[in-house]
Amino acid sequence: MSAFLNRRHKQLLATAERAIRNQVLYSGSLRPAVATMIALAFAKHAIRLDTAEARDYLNAALAERGYPLLDEEAGQ
């Protein structure tokens, strides 16, 4: 993996972790919105994501913690 892609990957995983932490802290839920991930990625790192990639990163972070994954059909 190139250095650029490796850095981007790490930034997006950290952003997903932050989205989950914020969701738990402020709402007590484990269902972070994909739109929140997209907004945080742009705000913190100027990275533009589509919904599918944002959901993938959120699901990766949720899976690592042993939490249920976001539901594609529900639009989350």
Protein backbone atom coordinates (compact mmCIF):
# COMPACT_ATOMS: atom_id res chain seq x y z
CA MET A 1 0.00 0.00 0.00
CA SER A 2 1.41 3.39 -0.90
CA ALA A 3 2.22 5.83 1.88
CA PHE A 4 -0.63 8.10 0.77
CA LEU A 5 -3.21 5.30 0.86
CA ASN A 6 -1.87 3.99 4.16
CA ARG A 7 -2.17 7.46 5.74
CA ARG A 8 -5.67 7.95 4.30
CA HIS A 9 -6.73 4.53 5.60
CA LYS A 10 -5.46 5.30 9.11
CA GLN A 11 -7.14 8.71 9.08
CA LEU A 12 -10.47 7.21 8.03
CA LEU A 13 -10.31 4.45 10.65
CA ALA A 14 -9.57 7.08 13.31
CA THR A 15 -12.47 9.16 12.02
CA ALA A 16 -14.80 6.15 12.23
CA GLU A 17 -13.67 5.55 15.82
CA ARG A 18 -14.39 9.18 16.63
CA ALA A 19 -17.85 9.00 15.04
CA ILE A 20 -18.66 5.94 17.16
CA ARG A 21 -17.29 7.52 20.37
CA ASN A 22 -19.28 10.71 19.75
CA GLN A 23 -22.44 8.72 19.06
CA VAL A 24 -22.08 6.71 22.26
CA LEU A 25 -21.13 9.75 24.33
CA TYR A 26 -23.86 12.09 23.13
CA SER A 27 -26.76 9.78 22.34
CA GLY A 28 -26.00 6.49 24.06
CA SER A 29 -26.54 4.65 20.76
CA LEU A 30 -24.18 2.47 18.72
CA ARG A 31 -25.68 3.56 15.39
CA PRO A 32 -23.52 6.41 14.04
CA ALA A 33 -24.95 8.02 10.94
CA VAL A 34 -23.02 7.55 7.71
CA ALA A 35 -23.52 11.28 7.08
CA THR A 36 -21.66 12.00 10.33
CA MET A 37 -18.70 9.93 9.15
CA ILE A 38 -18.69 11.77 5.82
CA ALA A 39 -18.81 15.17 7.53
CA LEU A 40 -16.07 14.31 10.04
CA ALA A 41 -13.77 12.92 7.35
CA PHE A 42 -14.08 16.13 5.38
CA ALA A 43 -13.81 18.40 8.42
CA LYS A 44 -10.76 16.70 9.94
CA HIS A 45 -8.85 15.53 6.88
CA ALA A 46 -10.42 17.15 3.78
CA ILE A 47 -11.28 13.66 2.55
CA ARG A 48 -14.44 13.23 0.48
CA LEU A 49 -16.23 9.90 0.84
CA ASP A 50 -19.26 8.35 -0.74
CA THR A 51 -21.80 6.62 1.47
CA ALA A 52 -20.58 3.12 0.66
CA GLU A 53 -16.99 3.84 1.69
CA ALA A 54 -18.09 5.70 4.83
CA ARG A 55 -20.29 2.73 5.82
CA ASP A 56 -17.38 0.34 5.21
CA TYR A 57 -15.11 2.27 7.56
CA LEU A 58 -17.80 2.56 10.23
CA ASN A 59 -18.52 -1.16 9.96
CA ALA A 60 -14.81 -1.97 10.24
CA ALA A 61 -14.55 0.05 13.45
CA LEU A 62 -17.78 -1.42 14.83
CA ALA A 63 -16.64 -4.97 14.02
CA GLU A 64 -13.32 -4.40 15.75
CA ARG A 65 -15.20 -3.48 18.92
CA GLY A 66 -17.58 -6.43 18.58
CA TYR A 67 -20.61 -4.21 17.92
CA PRO A 68 -23.36 -4.97 15.39
CA LEU A 69 -22.78 -3.61 11.91
CA LEU A 70 -24.78 -0.87 10.25
CA ASP A 71 -27.68 -2.02 8.16
CA GLU A 72 -27.38 -1.18 4.46
CA GLU A 73 -31.08 -1.61 3.76
CA ALA A 74 -32.12 0.72 6.58
CA GLY A 75 -30.08 3.52 5.03
CA GLN A 76 -27.89 3.88 8.10
